[in-house]
């Protein structure tokens, strides 16, 4: 069993109980991939083909506007999933890029394989539904905070909720994620110390 799959197995075990046969099916379906720092998992204009589970490292989803400014939509690290769900489901070109902030390792599950896994392993399907529900709630919360919180409130919430990202992601990316200027983030960080 690969180290990457061992991470995934531990993750699944924390969420549900599966048989050894089910884990064998999952392992056979998972495609391991290594990403170098700055390497793309998905580029804008390409169709997203995979559900991606991160076993090591840190990735981000972002868009680039017409002026060349990056807008970070989300970060994801070990034991998190990442993909462009809209592109994956509609098979339309993605509006986003997903790349590695650090050297990373992931497990890829293509759309048809994931459907087969959720059809054949009910406990896994229930876990996936729970992950999607949590992701939807997180997105709703993020939108609400983005439109109703001050820069300081956004930063404090981010550091409290995601201490791993606050320590590992470059400050410019964190500022982009929070929708604030890098100098504002620098001032807020200095104020906390």
C-alpha atoms as a PDB file:
ATOM      1  CA  UNK A   1       0.000   0.000   0.000  1.00  0.00           C
ATOM      2  CA  UNK A   2       1.437   3.380  -0.970  1.00  0.00           C
ATOM      3  CA  UNK A   3       2.000   6.071   1.649  1.00  0.00           C
ATOM      4  CA  UNK A   4      -0.519   8.272  -0.182  1.00  0.00           C
ATOM      5  CA  UNK A   5      -3.202   5.636  -0.073  1.00  0.00           C
ATOM      6  CA  UNK A   6      -2.448   5.040   3.617  1.00  0.00           C
ATOM      7  CA  UNK A   7      -3.282   8.726   4.271  1.00  0.00           C
ATOM      8  CA  UNK A   8      -6.538   8.304   2.327  1.00  0.00           C
ATOM      9  CA  UNK A   9      -7.381   5.088   4.161  1.00  0.00           C
ATOM     10  CA  UNK A  10      -6.877   6.831   7.533  1.00  0.00           C
ATOM     11  CA  UNK A  11      -9.116   9.692   6.351  1.00  0.00           C
ATOM     12  CA  UNK A  12     -11.899   7.340   5.219  1.00  0.00           C
ATOM     13  CA  UNK A  13     -11.617   5.309   8.443  1.00  0.00           C
ATOM     14  CA  UNK A  14     -12.189   8.480  10.499  1.00  0.00           C
ATOM     15  CA  UNK A  15     -15.447   9.075   8.605  1.00  0.00           C
ATOM     16  CA  UNK A  16     -16.911   5.618   8.013  1.00  0.00           C
ATOM     17  CA  UNK A  17     -16.314   1.887   8.279  1.00  0.00           C
ATOM     18  CA  UNK A  18     -15.413  -0.066   5.158  1.00  0.00           C
ATOM     19  CA  UNK A  19     -14.414  -3.680   4.561  1.00  0.00           C
ATOM     20  CA  UNK A  20     -10.969  -4.690   3.321  1.00  0.00           C
ATOM     21  CA  UNK A  21     -12.613  -5.537  -0.016  1.00  0.00           C
ATOM     22  CA  UNK A  22     -13.988  -1.978  -0.232  1.00  0.00           C
ATOM     23  CA  UNK A  23     -10.564  -0.520   0.581  1.00  0.00           C
ATOM     24  CA  UNK A  24      -9.072  -2.730  -2.123  1.00  0.00           C
ATOM     25  CA  UNK A  25     -11.596  -1.345  -4.606  1.00  0.00           C
ATOM     26  CA  UNK A  26     -10.747   2.236  -3.566  1.00  0.00           C
ATOM     27  CA  UNK A  27      -7.001   1.612  -3.814  1.00  0.00           C
ATOM     28  CA  UNK A  28      -7.342   0.083  -7.287  1.00  0.00           C
ATOM     29  CA  UNK A  29      -9.388   3.124  -8.404  1.00  0.00           C
ATOM     30  CA  UNK A  30      -7.069   5.817  -7.021  1.00  0.00           C
ATOM     31  CA  UNK A  31      -4.487   7.288  -9.399  1.00  0.00           C
ATOM     32  CA  UNK A  32      -1.537   8.769  -7.465  1.00  0.00           C
ATOM     33  CA  UNK A  33       0.057  11.926  -8.847  1.00  0.00           C
ATOM     34  CA  UNK A  34       2.922  14.103  -7.636  1.00  0.00           C
ATOM     35  CA  UNK A  35       2.875  17.837  -8.255  1.00  0.00           C
ATOM     36  CA  UNK A  36       5.913  20.087  -8.035  1.00  0.00           C
ATOM     37  CA  UNK A  37       5.554  23.508  -6.432  1.00  0.00           C
ATOM     38  CA  UNK A  38       3.740  25.798  -8.932  1.00  0.00           C
ATOM     39  CA  UNK A  39       2.661  22.831 -11.109  1.00  0.00           C
ATOM     40  CA  UNK A  40      -0.929  22.909 -12.352  1.00  0.00           C
ATOM     41  CA  UNK A  41      -3.480  20.263 -11.494  1.00  0.00           C
ATOM     42  CA  UNK A  42      -6.013  22.134 -13.665  1.00  0.00           C
ATOM     43  CA  UNK A  43      -5.677  25.139 -15.961  1.00  0.00           C
ATOM     44  CA  UNK A  44      -8.371  27.619 -16.916  1.00  0.00           C
ATOM     45  CA  UNK A  45      -9.979  26.537 -20.185  1.00  0.00           C
ATOM     46  CA  UNK A  46      -9.415  22.820 -19.580  1.00  0.00           C
ATOM     47  CA  UNK A  47     -12.249  20.530 -18.507  1.00  0.00           C
ATOM     48  CA  UNK A  48     -11.860  19.202 -14.972  1.00  0.00           C
ATOM     49  CA  UNK A  49     -11.771  15.396 -15.105  1.00  0.00           C
ATOM     50  CA  UNK A  50     -10.966  14.414 -11.522  1.00  0.00           C
ATOM     51  CA  UNK A  51     -12.053  14.466  -7.928  1.00  0.00           C
ATOM     52  CA  UNK A  52      -8.733  15.045  -6.169  1.00  0.00           C
ATOM     53  CA  UNK A  53      -7.796  14.034  -2.625  1.00  0.00           C
ATOM     54  CA  UNK A  54      -4.634  15.624  -1.210  1.00  0.00           C
ATOM     55  CA  UNK A  55      -2.340  13.245   0.668  1.00  0.00           C
ATOM     56  CA  UNK A  56       0.563  15.686   1.044  1.00  0.00           C
ATOM     57  CA  UNK A  57       1.051  19.385   0.391  1.00  0.00           C
ATOM     58  CA  UNK A  58      -0.998  22.499  -0.232  1.00  0.00           C
ATOM     59  CA  UNK A  59      -2.993  23.548  -3.309  1.00  0.00           C
ATOM     60  CA  UNK A  60      -5.123  26.515  -4.274  1.00  0.00           C
ATOM     61  CA  UNK A  61      -7.950  27.262  -6.671  1.00  0.00           C
ATOM     62  CA  UNK A  62      -7.780  30.707  -8.260  1.00  0.00           C
ATOM     63  CA  UNK A  63      -8.971  32.803 -11.176  1.00  0.00           C
ATOM     64  CA  UNK A  64      -7.071  35.475 -13.077  1.00  0.00           C
ATOM     65  CA  UNK A  65      -8.952  38.633 -14.105  1.00  0.00           C
ATOM     66  CA  UNK A  66      -8.470  40.644 -17.310  1.00  0.00           C
ATOM     67  CA  UNK A  67      -5.832  42.819 -15.557  1.00  0.00           C
ATOM     68  CA  UNK A  68      -3.786  39.761 -14.596  1.00  0.00           C
ATOM     69  CA  UNK A  69      -4.745  39.850 -10.906  1.00  0.00           C
ATOM     70  CA  UNK A  70      -5.111  36.504  -9.160  1.00  0.00           C
ATOM     71  CA  UNK A  71      -8.194  35.855  -7.021  1.00  0.00           C
ATOM     72  CA  UNK A  72      -7.741  32.893  -4.688  1.00  0.00           C
ATOM     73  CA  UNK A  73     -11.029  31.033  -4.266  1.00  0.00           C
ATOM     74  CA  UNK A  74      -9.834  28.353  -1.870  1.00  0.00           C
ATOM     75  CA  UNK A  75      -6.911  26.564  -0.330  1.00  0.00           C
ATOM     76  CA  UNK A  76      -6.756  22.830   0.342  1.00  0.00           C
ATOM     77  CA  UNK A  77      -4.185  20.755   2.215  1.00  0.00           C
ATOM     78  CA  UNK A  78      -3.673  17.191   3.412  1.00  0.00           C
ATOM     79  CA  UNK A  79      -6.925  15.296   3.952  1.00  0.00           C
ATOM     80  CA  UNK A  80      -8.934  17.758   1.851  1.00  0.00           C
ATOM     81  CA  UNK A  81     -10.576  17.337  -1.544  1.00  0.00           C
ATOM     82  CA  UNK A  82     -10.144  19.792  -4.411  1.00  0.00           C
ATOM     83  CA  UNK A  83     -11.510  20.081  -7.947  1.00  0.00           C
ATOM     84  CA  UNK A  84     -13.646  22.395 -10.047  1.00  0.00           C
ATOM     85  CA  UNK A  85     -16.977  20.754  -9.361  1.00  0.00           C
ATOM     86  CA  UNK A  86     -18.858  22.868 -11.924  1.00  0.00           C
ATOM     87  CA  UNK A  87     -16.497  21.895 -14.750  1.00  0.00           C
ATOM     88  CA  UNK A  88     -16.403  18.276 -13.571  1.00  0.00           C
ATOM     89  CA  UNK A  89     -20.198  17.944 -13.588  1.00  0.00           C
ATOM     90  CA  UNK A  90     -20.992  19.996 -16.708  1.00  0.00           C
ATOM     91  CA  UNK A  91     -17.886  18.957 -18.689  1.00  0.00           C
ATOM     92  CA  UNK A  92     -17.483  22.619 -19.650  1.00  0.00           C
ATOM     93  CA  UNK A  93     -14.092  24.413 -19.624  1.00  0.00           C
ATOM     94  CA  UNK A  94     -13.018  25.556 -16.176  1.00  0.00           C
ATOM     95  CA  UNK A  95     -12.867  29.231 -15.219  1.00  0.00           C
ATOM     96  CA  UNK A  96     -10.224  28.356 -12.624  1.00  0.00           C
ATOM     97  CA  UNK A  97      -6.668  27.204 -12.163  1.00  0.00           C
ATOM     98  CA  UNK A  98      -5.633  24.738  -9.483  1.00  0.00           C
ATOM     99  CA  UNK A  99      -1.937  24.569  -8.677  1.00  0.00           C
ATOM    100  CA  UNK A 100       0.437  23.373  -5.985  1.00  0.00           C
ATOM    101  CA  UNK A 101       1.725  25.929  -3.494  1.00  0.00           C
ATOM    102  CA  UNK A 102       4.136  23.298  -2.158  1.00  0.00           C
ATOM    103  CA  UNK A 103       5.421  20.020  -3.585  1.00  0.00           C
ATOM    104  CA  UNK A 104       2.288  17.903  -3.220  1.00  0.00           C
ATOM    105  CA  UNK A 105       0.905  14.411  -3.685  1.00  0.00           C
ATOM    106  CA  UNK A 106      -2.688  13.640  -4.601  1.00  0.00           C
ATOM    107  CA  UNK A 107      -4.992  10.765  -5.441  1.00  0.00           C
ATOM    108  CA  UNK A 108      -7.166  11.262  -8.504  1.00  0.00           C
ATOM    109  CA  UNK A 109     -10.563   9.657  -9.069  1.00  0.00           C
ATOM    110  CA  UNK A 110     -12.111  10.286 -12.478  1.00  0.00           C
ATOM    111  CA  UNK A 111     -15.818  11.078 -12.736  1.00  0.00           C
ATOM    112  CA  UNK A 112     -16.991   7.644 -13.912  1.00  0.00           C
ATOM    113  CA  UNK A 113     -14.813   5.824 -11.375  1.00  0.00           C
ATOM    114  CA  UNK A 114     -16.131   7.985  -8.543  1.00  0.00           C
ATOM    115  CA  UNK A 115     -19.688   7.229  -9.684  1.00  0.00           C
ATOM    116  CA  UNK A 116     -18.898   3.510  -9.690  1.00  0.00           C
ATOM    117  CA  UNK A 117     -17.390   3.760  -6.193  1.00  0.00           C
ATOM    118  CA  UNK A 118     -20.367   5.635  -4.740  1.00  0.00           C
ATOM    119  CA  UNK A 119     -22.803   3.234  -6.441  1.00  0.00           C
ATOM    120  CA  UNK A 120     -21.038   0.110  -5.196  1.00  0.00           C
ATOM    121  CA  UNK A 121     -19.933   1.225  -1.707  1.00  0.00           C
ATOM    122  CA  UNK A 122     -22.919   2.832   0.112  1.00  0.00           C
ATOM    123  CA  UNK A 123     -20.880   3.843   3.185  1.00  0.00           C
ATOM    124  CA  UNK A 124     -18.380   5.625   0.930  1.00  0.00           C
ATOM    125  CA  UNK A 125     -21.258   7.356  -0.891  1.00  0.00           C
ATOM    126  CA  UNK A 126     -22.638   8.577   2.444  1.00  0.00           C
ATOM    127  CA  UNK A 127     -19.200   9.921   3.399  1.00  0.00           C
ATOM    128  CA  UNK A 128     -18.859  11.744   0.048  1.00  0.00           C
ATOM    129  CA  UNK A 129     -22.314  13.308   0.503  1.00  0.00           C
ATOM    130  CA  UNK A 130     -21.258  14.518   3.958  1.00  0.00           C
ATOM    131  CA  UNK A 131     -18.076  16.057   2.489  1.00  0.00           C
ATOM    132  CA  UNK A 132     -20.116  17.844  -0.209  1.00  0.00           C
ATOM    133  CA  UNK A 133     -22.630  19.127   2.357  1.00  0.00           C
ATOM    134  CA  UNK A 134     -19.820  20.479   4.538  1.00  0.00           C
ATOM    135  CA  UNK A 135     -18.188  22.088   1.499  1.00  0.00           C
ATOM    136  CA  UNK A 136     -21.441  23.827   0.540  1.00  0.00           C
ATOM    137  CA  UNK A 137     -21.877  25.186   4.073  1.00  0.00           C
ATOM    138  CA  UNK A 138     -18.248  26.382   4.110  1.00  0.00           C
ATOM    139  CA  UNK A 139     -18.776  28.195   0.784  1.00  0.00           C
ATOM    140  CA  UNK A 140     -21.941  29.876   2.050  1.00  0.00           C
ATOM    141  CA  UNK A 141     -20.163  30.978   5.214  1.00  0.00           C
ATOM    142  CA  UNK A 142     -17.223  32.320   3.185  1.00  0.00           C
ATOM    143  CA  UNK A 143     -19.508  34.371   0.921  1.00  0.00           C
ATOM    144  CA  UNK A 144     -21.343  35.821   3.919  1.00  0.00           C
ATOM    145  CA  UNK A 145     -18.105  36.743   5.673  1.00  0.00           C
ATOM    146  CA  UNK A 146     -16.666  38.247   2.475  1.00  0.00           C
ATOM    147  CA  UNK A 147     -19.581  40.658   2.095  1.00  0.00           C
ATOM    148  CA  UNK A 148     -20.246  41.451   5.738  1.00  0.00           C
ATOM    149  CA  UNK A 149     -16.933  41.428   7.641  1.00  0.00           C
ATOM    150  CA  UNK A 150     -14.176  44.008   8.024  1.00  0.00           C
ATOM    151  CA  UNK A 151     -10.656  43.203   6.819  1.00  0.00           C
ATOM    152  CA  UNK A 152      -9.586  42.592  10.409  1.00  0.00           C
ATOM    153  CA  UNK A 153     -12.534  40.273  11.089  1.00  0.00           C
ATOM    154  CA  UNK A 154     -11.802  38.324   7.892  1.00  0.00           C
ATOM    155  CA  UNK A 155      -8.150  37.904   8.826  1.00  0.00           C
ATOM    156  CA  UNK A 156      -8.837  36.919  12.443  1.00  0.00           C
ATOM    157  CA  UNK A 157     -11.452  34.368  11.362  1.00  0.00           C
ATOM    158  CA  UNK A 158      -9.086  32.949   8.728  1.00  0.00           C
ATOM    159  CA  UNK A 159      -6.202  32.516  11.201  1.00  0.00           C
ATOM    160  CA  UNK A 160      -8.500  30.953  13.792  1.00  0.00           C
ATOM    161  CA  UNK A 161     -10.285  28.637  11.354  1.00  0.00           C
ATOM    162  CA  UNK A 162      -7.280  27.702   9.162  1.00  0.00           C
ATOM    163  CA  UNK A 163      -4.047  28.050  11.147  1.00  0.00           C
ATOM    164  CA  UNK A 164      -2.270  25.653   8.755  1.00  0.00           C
ATOM    165  CA  UNK A 165      -2.982  27.862   5.754  1.00  0.00           C
ATOM    166  CA  UNK A 166      -1.996  31.010   7.652  1.00  0.00           C
ATOM    167  CA  UNK A 167       1.446  29.498   8.312  1.00  0.00           C
ATOM    168  CA  UNK A 168       2.043  27.802   4.946  1.00  0.00           C
ATOM    169  CA  UNK A 169       0.507  30.003   2.236  1.00  0.00           C
ATOM    170  CA  UNK A 170       2.322  33.116   0.976  1.00  0.00           C
ATOM    171  CA  UNK A 171       0.908  36.360   2.352  1.00  0.00           C
ATOM    172  CA  UNK A 172      -0.007  37.636  -1.119  1.00  0.00           C
ATOM    173  CA  UNK A 173      -2.227  34.568  -1.651  1.00  0.00           C
ATOM    174  CA  UNK A 174      -3.856  34.961   1.755  1.00  0.00           C
ATOM    175  CA  UNK A 175      -4.579  38.631   0.993  1.00  0.00           C
ATOM    176  CA  UNK A 176      -6.120  37.583  -2.343  1.00  0.00           C
ATOM    177  CA  UNK A 177      -8.251  34.925  -0.614  1.00  0.00           C
ATOM    178  CA  UNK A 178      -9.479  37.494   1.919  1.00  0.00           C
ATOM    179  CA  UNK A 179     -10.118  40.117  -0.758  1.00  0.00           C
ATOM    180  CA  UNK A 180      -7.797  42.661   0.848  1.00  0.00           C
ATOM    181  CA  UNK A 181      -4.619  44.415  -0.243  1.00  0.00           C
ATOM    182  CA  UNK A 182      -1.298  42.794   0.770  1.00  0.00           C
ATOM    183  CA  UNK A 183      -0.298  45.942   2.683  1.00  0.00           C
ATOM    184  CA  UNK A 184      -3.537  45.742   4.687  1.00  0.00           C
ATOM    185  CA  UNK A 185      -2.738  42.141   5.553  1.00  0.00           C
ATOM    186  CA  UNK A 186       0.786  43.113   6.569  1.00  0.00           C
ATOM    187  CA  UNK A 187      -0.604  45.838   8.862  1.00  0.00           C
ATOM    188  CA  UNK A 188      -3.093  43.379  10.427  1.00  0.00           C
ATOM    189  CA  UNK A 189      -0.366  40.786  10.986  1.00  0.00           C
ATOM    190  CA  UNK A 190       1.928  43.359  12.615  1.00  0.00           C
ATOM    191  CA  UNK A 191      -0.937  44.482  14.851  1.00  0.00           C
ATOM    192  CA  UNK A 192      -1.389  40.896  16.139  1.00  0.00           C
ATOM    193  CA  UNK A 193       2.295  40.517  17.079  1.00  0.00           C
END
